[in-house]
């Protein structure tokens, strides 16, 4: 019995030691894989040093390598590419560590993997693939833990509609509208613009540009007072003013928001009901449509000057 018990203790100790060595080897492999880009760069520098040392000697080879590195750093395109690469790898390592700490991953190489990382205005945008047996919903349920591990404002997870194993993860580090100067309209200095092209109207919650198209489209702008409806409308009118093929006709019942665009407008109708009906009739004729009978009668009889007619009362 004693011999059997001692054997079991030795066997258990052996298995525990083997598990510890396997965990250590796996951890070293994971660290090496996470730092693979930095290790490759260092290996390239060391390899160049050794090759040059055989031809020039150690001091001269060291001087040549240092001069080459300094020259590469001074080149802005190379410096930006290397810096961007190192920053992406830093985010990738932070993500791998976060999914382990948040218990989204069961171990190294067994968690959601970042396939690509792109910098955006609010932080980083990750393309993530979850492992077999996991789901994007589980990843989304750990948003708060991931945000705490990554020390970011928020983590947003969006499932790919075409592939259940893929997700878009946004690491929000900053508010794109916090403490920034007013944005300059991209077409402010353009000499010409075509309304067939997308019109930039602002930025979204990620700080990325937002564009809309007017070709074969109607646009309805809504929002609470002070939300920026007039500013959004001005971008559309300005785009039309930059298009040599466009004819700008404006209808503003209050004659406030669009009054500043009168110099570039071919026609502008304000609170006068006759002007509004005449402009609407001209639009209908251009579109090949007829005004309703009530509107035609009102336009033919005329309405009191300075008072908008019922037909134009809802037009702005």
Protein backbone atom coordinates (compact mmCIF):
# COMPACT_ATOMS: atom_id res chain seq x y z
CA UNK A 1 0.00 0.00 0.00
CA UNK A 2 2.84 2.39 0.83
CA UNK A 3 4.57 1.61 -2.42
CA UNK A 4 1.36 2.16 -4.36
CA UNK A 5 0.65 5.48 -2.58
CA UNK A 6 4.19 6.73 -3.19
CA UNK A 7 3.89 5.81 -6.85
CA UNK A 8 0.64 7.75 -7.16
CA UNK A 9 2.22 10.80 -5.50
CA UNK A 10 5.22 10.66 -7.81
CA UNK A 11 2.96 10.26 -10.84
CA UNK A 12 0.81 13.20 -9.77
CA UNK A 13 3.89 15.35 -9.18
CA UNK A 14 5.24 14.32 -12.60
CA UNK A 15 1.98 15.28 -14.34
CA UNK A 16 1.86 18.61 -12.50
CA UNK A 17 5.45 19.39 -13.49
CA UNK A 18 4.72 18.40 -17.08
CA UNK A 19 1.62 20.64 -17.12
CA UNK A 20 3.67 23.53 -15.73
CA UNK A 21 6.34 23.08 -18.39
CA UNK A 22 3.70 22.86 -21.11
CA UNK A 23 2.03 26.02 -19.81
CA UNK A 24 5.41 27.76 -19.70
CA UNK A 25 6.24 26.67 -23.25
CA UNK A 26 2.83 27.76 -24.47
CA UNK A 27 3.21 31.12 -22.74
CA UNK A 28 6.64 31.66 -24.29
CA UNK A 29 5.28 30.70 -27.69
CA UNK A 30 2.39 33.14 -27.24
CA UNK A 31 4.73 35.98 -26.22
CA UNK A 32 7.03 35.23 -29.14
CA UNK A 33 4.11 35.22 -31.56
CA UNK A 34 2.70 38.49 -30.22
CA UNK A 35 6.10 40.17 -30.59
CA UNK A 36 6.88 38.57 -33.94
CA UNK A 37 7.04 41.86 -35.85
CA UNK A 38 9.46 43.46 -33.39
CA UNK A 39 11.56 40.28 -33.31
CA UNK A 40 11.73 40.16 -37.10
CA UNK A 41 12.84 43.80 -37.23
CA UNK A 42 15.50 43.24 -34.57
CA UNK A 43 16.60 40.06 -36.31
CA UNK A 44 16.96 41.95 -39.58
CA UNK A 45 19.12 44.61 -37.95
CA UNK A 46 21.24 41.99 -36.18
CA UNK A 47 21.62 39.98 -39.40
CA UNK A 48 22.70 43.06 -41.33
CA UNK A 49 25.22 43.84 -38.59
CA UNK A 50 26.74 40.35 -38.77
CA UNK A 51 26.95 40.33 -42.57
CA UNK A 52 28.61 43.73 -42.68
CA UNK A 53 30.95 42.85 -39.85
CA UNK A 54 32.48 40.08 -41.96
CA UNK A 55 33.33 42.57 -44.69
CA UNK A 56 34.05 45.80 -42.82
CA UNK A 57 34.68 44.83 -39.23
CA UNK A 58 32.54 45.42 -36.17
CA UNK A 59 33.06 49.19 -35.70
CA UNK A 60 32.47 50.07 -39.36
CA UNK A 61 29.50 47.70 -39.60
CA UNK A 62 27.92 49.23 -36.52
CA UNK A 63 28.39 52.73 -37.93
CA UNK A 64 26.82 51.71 -41.26
CA UNK A 65 23.80 50.11 -39.57
CA UNK A 66 23.26 53.14 -37.31
CA UNK A 67 23.55 55.50 -40.29
CA UNK A 68 21.08 53.41 -42.28
CA UNK A 69 18.58 53.38 -39.41
CA UNK A 70 18.96 57.13 -38.95
CA UNK A 71 18.40 57.69 -42.67
CA UNK A 72 15.26 55.56 -42.61
CA UNK A 73 13.92 57.45 -39.59
CA UNK A 74 14.40 60.78 -41.33
CA UNK A 75 12.32 59.62 -44.31
CA UNK A 76 8.76 60.53 -43.39
CA UNK A 77 6.95 57.82 -45.43
CA UNK A 78 9.16 55.09 -43.96
CA UNK A 79 8.86 56.49 -40.45
CA UNK A 80 5.09 56.72 -40.67
CA UNK A 81 4.77 53.17 -42.01
CA UNK A 82 7.02 51.68 -39.34
CA UNK A 83 5.30 53.68 -36.58
CA UNK A 84 1.87 52.61 -37.81
CA UNK A 85 2.98 48.97 -37.94
CA UNK A 86 4.36 49.07 -34.39
CA UNK A 87 1.23 50.77 -33.06
CA UNK A 88 -1.00 48.14 -34.68
CA UNK A 89 1.05 45.37 -33.11
CA UNK A 90 0.78 47.10 -29.75
CA UNK A 91 -3.00 47.20 -30.05
CA UNK A 92 -3.01 43.55 -31.15
CA UNK A 93 -1.03 42.51 -28.06
CA UNK A 94 -3.33 44.55 -25.81
CA UNK A 95 -6.35 42.86 -27.40
CA UNK A 96 -4.92 39.36 -26.94
CA UNK A 97 -4.20 40.12 -23.30
CA UNK A 98 -7.64 41.68 -22.75
CA UNK A 99 -9.58 38.69 -24.08
CA UNK A 100 -7.60 36.47 -21.71
CA UNK A 101 -8.14 38.70 -18.68
CA UNK A 102 -11.85 39.13 -19.50
CA UNK A 103 -12.14 35.32 -19.82
CA UNK A 104 -13.40 35.59 -23.36
CA UNK A 105 -10.50 33.34 -24.39
CA UNK A 106 -9.88 29.97 -22.75
CA UNK A 107 -6.13 30.24 -23.31
CA UNK A 108 -3.42 31.52 -25.66
CA UNK A 109 -4.40 31.07 -29.31
CA UNK A 110 -7.93 30.12 -28.16
CA UNK A 111 -9.73 33.45 -28.19
CA UNK A 112 -11.15 36.03 -30.61
CA UNK A 113 -8.32 36.93 -32.98
CA UNK A 114 -7.78 40.37 -34.49
CA UNK A 115 -7.44 39.87 -38.25
CA UNK A 116 -6.85 43.53 -39.06
CA UNK A 117 -6.43 46.79 -37.17
CA UNK A 118 -7.04 50.23 -38.64
CA UNK A 119 -6.72 53.60 -36.89
CA UNK A 120 -9.81 55.82 -36.94
CA UNK A 121 -10.63 59.20 -35.46
CA UNK A 122 -11.98 57.81 -32.17
CA UNK A 123 -9.43 55.01 -31.71
CA UNK A 124 -9.02 51.75 -33.58
CA UNK A 125 -11.25 49.54 -35.73
CA UNK A 126 -10.62 45.82 -35.43
CA UNK A 127 -11.77 42.99 -37.67
CA UNK A 128 -12.16 40.05 -35.27
CA UNK A 129 -12.84 36.35 -35.78
CA UNK A 130 -14.20 34.30 -32.89
CA UNK A 131 -13.00 30.68 -32.48
CA UNK A 132 -15.08 27.61 -33.14
CA UNK A 133 -17.62 27.03 -30.42
CA UNK A 134 -17.83 30.73 -29.55
CA UNK A 135 -20.14 33.47 -30.82
CA UNK A 136 -20.06 37.19 -31.42
CA UNK A 137 -22.87 37.56 -28.89
CA UNK A 138 -20.56 36.23 -26.16
CA UNK A 139 -17.92 38.72 -27.21
CA UNK A 140 -20.45 41.56 -27.11
CA UNK A 141 -21.57 40.50 -23.64
CA UNK A 142 -18.02 41.13 -22.37
CA UNK A 143 -17.80 44.69 -23.69
CA UNK A 144 -17.47 46.29 -20.27
CA UNK A 145 -14.76 43.90 -19.11
CA UNK A 146 -12.83 44.42 -22.35
CA UNK A 147 -13.12 48.20 -22.04
CA UNK A 148 -11.74 48.03 -18.50
CA UNK A 149 -8.85 45.78 -19.55
CA UNK A 150 -8.00 47.94 -22.56
CA UNK A 151 -8.46 51.22 -20.60
CA UNK A 152 -10.70 52.73 -23.30
CA UNK A 153 -13.95 54.72 -23.16
CA UNK A 154 -16.05 52.07 -24.84
CA UNK A 155 -15.91 48.86 -26.85
CA UNK A 156 -18.51 48.47 -29.62
CA UNK A 157 -19.11 45.11 -31.24
CA UNK A 158 -21.01 44.65 -34.49
CA UNK A 159 -21.61 41.22 -36.04
CA UNK A 160 -20.85 40.70 -39.71
CA UNK A 161 -24.20 40.04 -41.43
CA UNK A 162 -22.58 37.68 -43.92
CA UNK A 163 -20.41 35.63 -41.53
CA UNK A 164 -21.38 34.75 -37.97
CA UNK A 165 -17.74 34.22 -36.96
CA UNK A 166 -16.66 37.75 -37.89
CA UNK A 167 -17.24 40.98 -36.01
CA UNK A 168 -16.22 44.60 -36.24
CA UNK A 169 -14.91 45.89 -32.92
CA UNK A 170 -14.45 49.61 -32.31
CA UNK A 171 -12.13 50.69 -29.52
CA UNK A 172 -13.34 54.16 -28.57
CA UNK A 173 -10.54 56.12 -26.90
CA UNK A 174 -11.79 59.66 -27.43
CA UNK A 175 -14.87 61.70 -28.34
CA UNK A 176 -14.46 62.98 -31.93
CA UNK A 177 -16.42 66.13 -31.05
CA UNK A 178 -14.73 66.88 -27.71
CA UNK A 179 -12.41 69.88 -27.72
CA UNK A 180 -11.94 70.04 -31.49
CA UNK A 181 -12.04 73.09 -33.71
CA UNK A 182 -15.00 73.51 -36.06
CA UNK A 183 -14.57 71.24 -39.06
CA UNK A 184 -13.92 72.83 -42.41
CA UNK A 185 -16.20 71.72 -45.23
CA UNK A 186 -14.06 69.65 -47.66
CA UNK A 187 -15.47 71.46 -50.73
CA UNK A 188 -15.02 74.97 -49.30
CA UNK A 189 -12.08 75.66 -51.63
CA UNK A 190 -13.35 73.67 -54.64
CA UNK A 191 -13.73 75.58 -57.89
CA UNK A 192 -16.45 73.25 -59.20
CA UNK A 193 -18.49 70.31 -57.98
CA UNK A 194 -20.92 67.88 -59.58
CA UNK A 195 -24.16 66.96 -57.86
CA UNK A 196 -23.74 63.48 -59.29
CA UNK A 197 -20.91 62.97 -56.80
CA UNK A 198 -21.48 62.23 -53.07
CA UNK A 199 -21.79 65.38 -50.96
CA UNK A 200 -19.86 65.53 -47.66
CA UNK A 201 -22.20 66.70 -44.89
CA UNK A 202 -20.33 65.91 -41.65
CA UNK A 203 -18.82 63.14 -39.55
CA UNK A 204 -20.36 60.19 -37.71
CA UNK A 205 -19.87 59.01 -34.13
CA UNK A 206 -16.62 57.34 -35.18
CA UNK A 207 -15.28 60.60 -36.56
CA UNK A 208 -15.44 59.29 -40.12
CA UNK A 209 -16.78 61.48 -42.98
CA UNK A 210 -20.45 61.10 -43.92
CA UNK A 211 -21.59 61.64 -47.50
CA UNK A 212 -25.00 61.58 -49.17
CA UNK A 213 -25.98 61.36 -52.81
CA UNK A 214 -28.64 63.53 -54.44
CA UNK A 215 -28.82 61.73 -57.78
CA UNK A 216 -32.31 60.18 -58.09
CA UNK A 217 -32.91 60.93 -54.41
CA UNK A 218 -34.97 63.20 -52.17
CA UNK A 219 -33.59 64.45 -48.87
CA UNK A 220 -35.54 65.19 -45.69
CA UNK A 221 -33.56 66.92 -42.92
CA UNK A 222 -35.04 66.78 -39.43
CA UNK A 223 -33.92 67.45 -35.88
CA UNK A 224 -34.58 69.42 -32.74
CA UNK A 225 -33.85 73.18 -32.60
CA UNK A 226 -30.15 73.83 -32.74
CA UNK A 227 -29.30 70.37 -34.07
CA UNK A 228 -27.76 71.78 -37.26
CA UNK A 229 -30.53 71.45 -39.85
CA UNK A 230 -29.70 74.80 -41.45
CA UNK A 231 -25.99 73.98 -41.59
CA UNK A 232 -26.73 70.63 -43.24
CA UNK A 233 -29.05 72.34 -45.74
CA UNK A 234 -26.35 74.89 -46.51
CA UNK A 235 -23.93 72.16 -47.56
CA UNK A 236 -26.47 70.93 -50.12
CA UNK A 237 -27.14 74.42 -51.46
CA UNK A 238 -23.42 75.17 -51.59
CA UNK A 239 -22.81 71.97 -53.55
CA UNK A 240 -25.53 72.94 -56.03
CA UNK A 241 -24.00 76.41 -56.35
CA UNK A 242 -20.65 74.83 -57.27
CA UNK A 243 -22.21 72.73 -60.04
CA UNK A 244 -22.14 74.67 -63.34
CA UNK A 245 -24.98 72.50 -64.69
CA UNK A 246 -27.31 73.09 -61.73
CA UNK A 247 -30.02 75.76 -61.52
CA UNK A 248 -30.65 76.74 -57.91
CA UNK A 249 -34.27 77.51 -57.00
CA UNK A 250 -34.93 78.18 -53.33
CA UNK A 251 -38.16 78.28 -51.35
CA UNK A 252 -37.87 79.59 -47.79
CA UNK A 253 -41.12 80.58 -46.11
CA UNK A 254 -39.33 82.48 -43.31
CA UNK A 255 -36.67 83.86 -45.66
CA UNK A 256 -34.02 83.29 -43.00
CA UNK A 257 -32.02 80.10 -43.54
CA UNK A 258 -31.76 80.41 -47.33
CA UNK A 259 -31.65 84.20 -47.62
CA UNK A 260 -27.83 84.20 -47.53
CA UNK A 261 -27.83 82.07 -50.69
CA UNK A 262 -29.84 84.57 -52.72
CA UNK A 263 -26.77 85.71 -54.76
CA UNK A 264 -26.27 82.20 -56.16
CA UNK A 265 -29.96 81.37 -56.63
CA UNK A 266 -31.70 81.73 -59.96
CA UNK A 267 -35.03 82.08 -58.17
CA UNK A 268 -35.89 82.64 -54.51
CA UNK A 269 -39.38 82.64 -53.04
CA UNK A 270 -40.06 83.85 -49.52
CA UNK A 271 -43.22 84.42 -47.44
CA UNK A 272 -45.15 85.80 -50.41
CA UNK A 273 -47.70 83.16 -51.32
CA UNK A 274 -47.84 84.20 -55.00
CA UNK A 275 -44.09 83.79 -55.37
CA UNK A 276 -44.19 80.40 -53.68
CA UNK A 277 -47.02 79.16 -55.92
CA UNK A 278 -45.31 80.51 -59.03
CA UNK A 279 -42.11 78.71 -58.08
CA UNK A 280 -44.00 75.49 -57.36
CA UNK A 281 -45.81 75.77 -60.70
CA UNK A 282 -42.52 76.26 -62.52
CA UNK A 283 -41.09 73.19 -60.81
CA UNK A 284 -44.16 71.17 -61.77
CA UNK A 285 -43.88 72.25 -65.40
CA UNK A 286 -40.20 71.35 -65.48
CA UNK A 287 -40.98 67.93 -64.03
CA UNK A 288 -43.85 67.39 -66.45
CA UNK A 289 -46.44 67.35 -63.66
CA UNK A 290 -49.51 69.51 -63.05
CA UNK A 291 -50.42 71.31 -59.86
CA UNK A 292 -53.56 70.21 -58.03
CA UNK A 293 -56.71 72.00 -59.16
CA UNK A 294 -56.99 73.98 -55.88
CA UNK A 295 -53.43 75.21 -56.24
CA UNK A 296 -53.97 76.18 -59.89
CA UNK A 297 -57.08 78.14 -58.95
CA UNK A 298 -55.30 79.90 -56.12
CA UNK A 299 -52.35 80.74 -58.37
CA UNK A 300 -54.68 82.11 -61.06
CA UNK A 301 -56.73 84.27 -58.65
CA UNK A 302 -53.73 85.37 -56.61
CA UNK A 303 -53.56 85.68 -52.85
CA UNK A 304 -53.18 88.86 -50.79
CA UNK A 305 -49.67 90.27 -51.05
CA UNK A 306 -47.44 89.56 -48.09
CA UNK A 307 -49.65 86.71 -46.81
CA UNK A 308 -48.79 83.11 -47.66
CA UNK A 309 -51.56 81.14 -49.27
CA UNK A 310 -52.79 77.91 -47.68
CA UNK A 311 -51.21 75.95 -50.51
CA UNK A 312 -47.77 77.31 -49.64
CA UNK A 313 -48.13 77.51 -45.90
CA UNK A 314 -46.36 74.20 -45.30
CA UNK A 315 -43.50 74.82 -47.68
CA UNK A 316 -40.14 75.80 -46.25
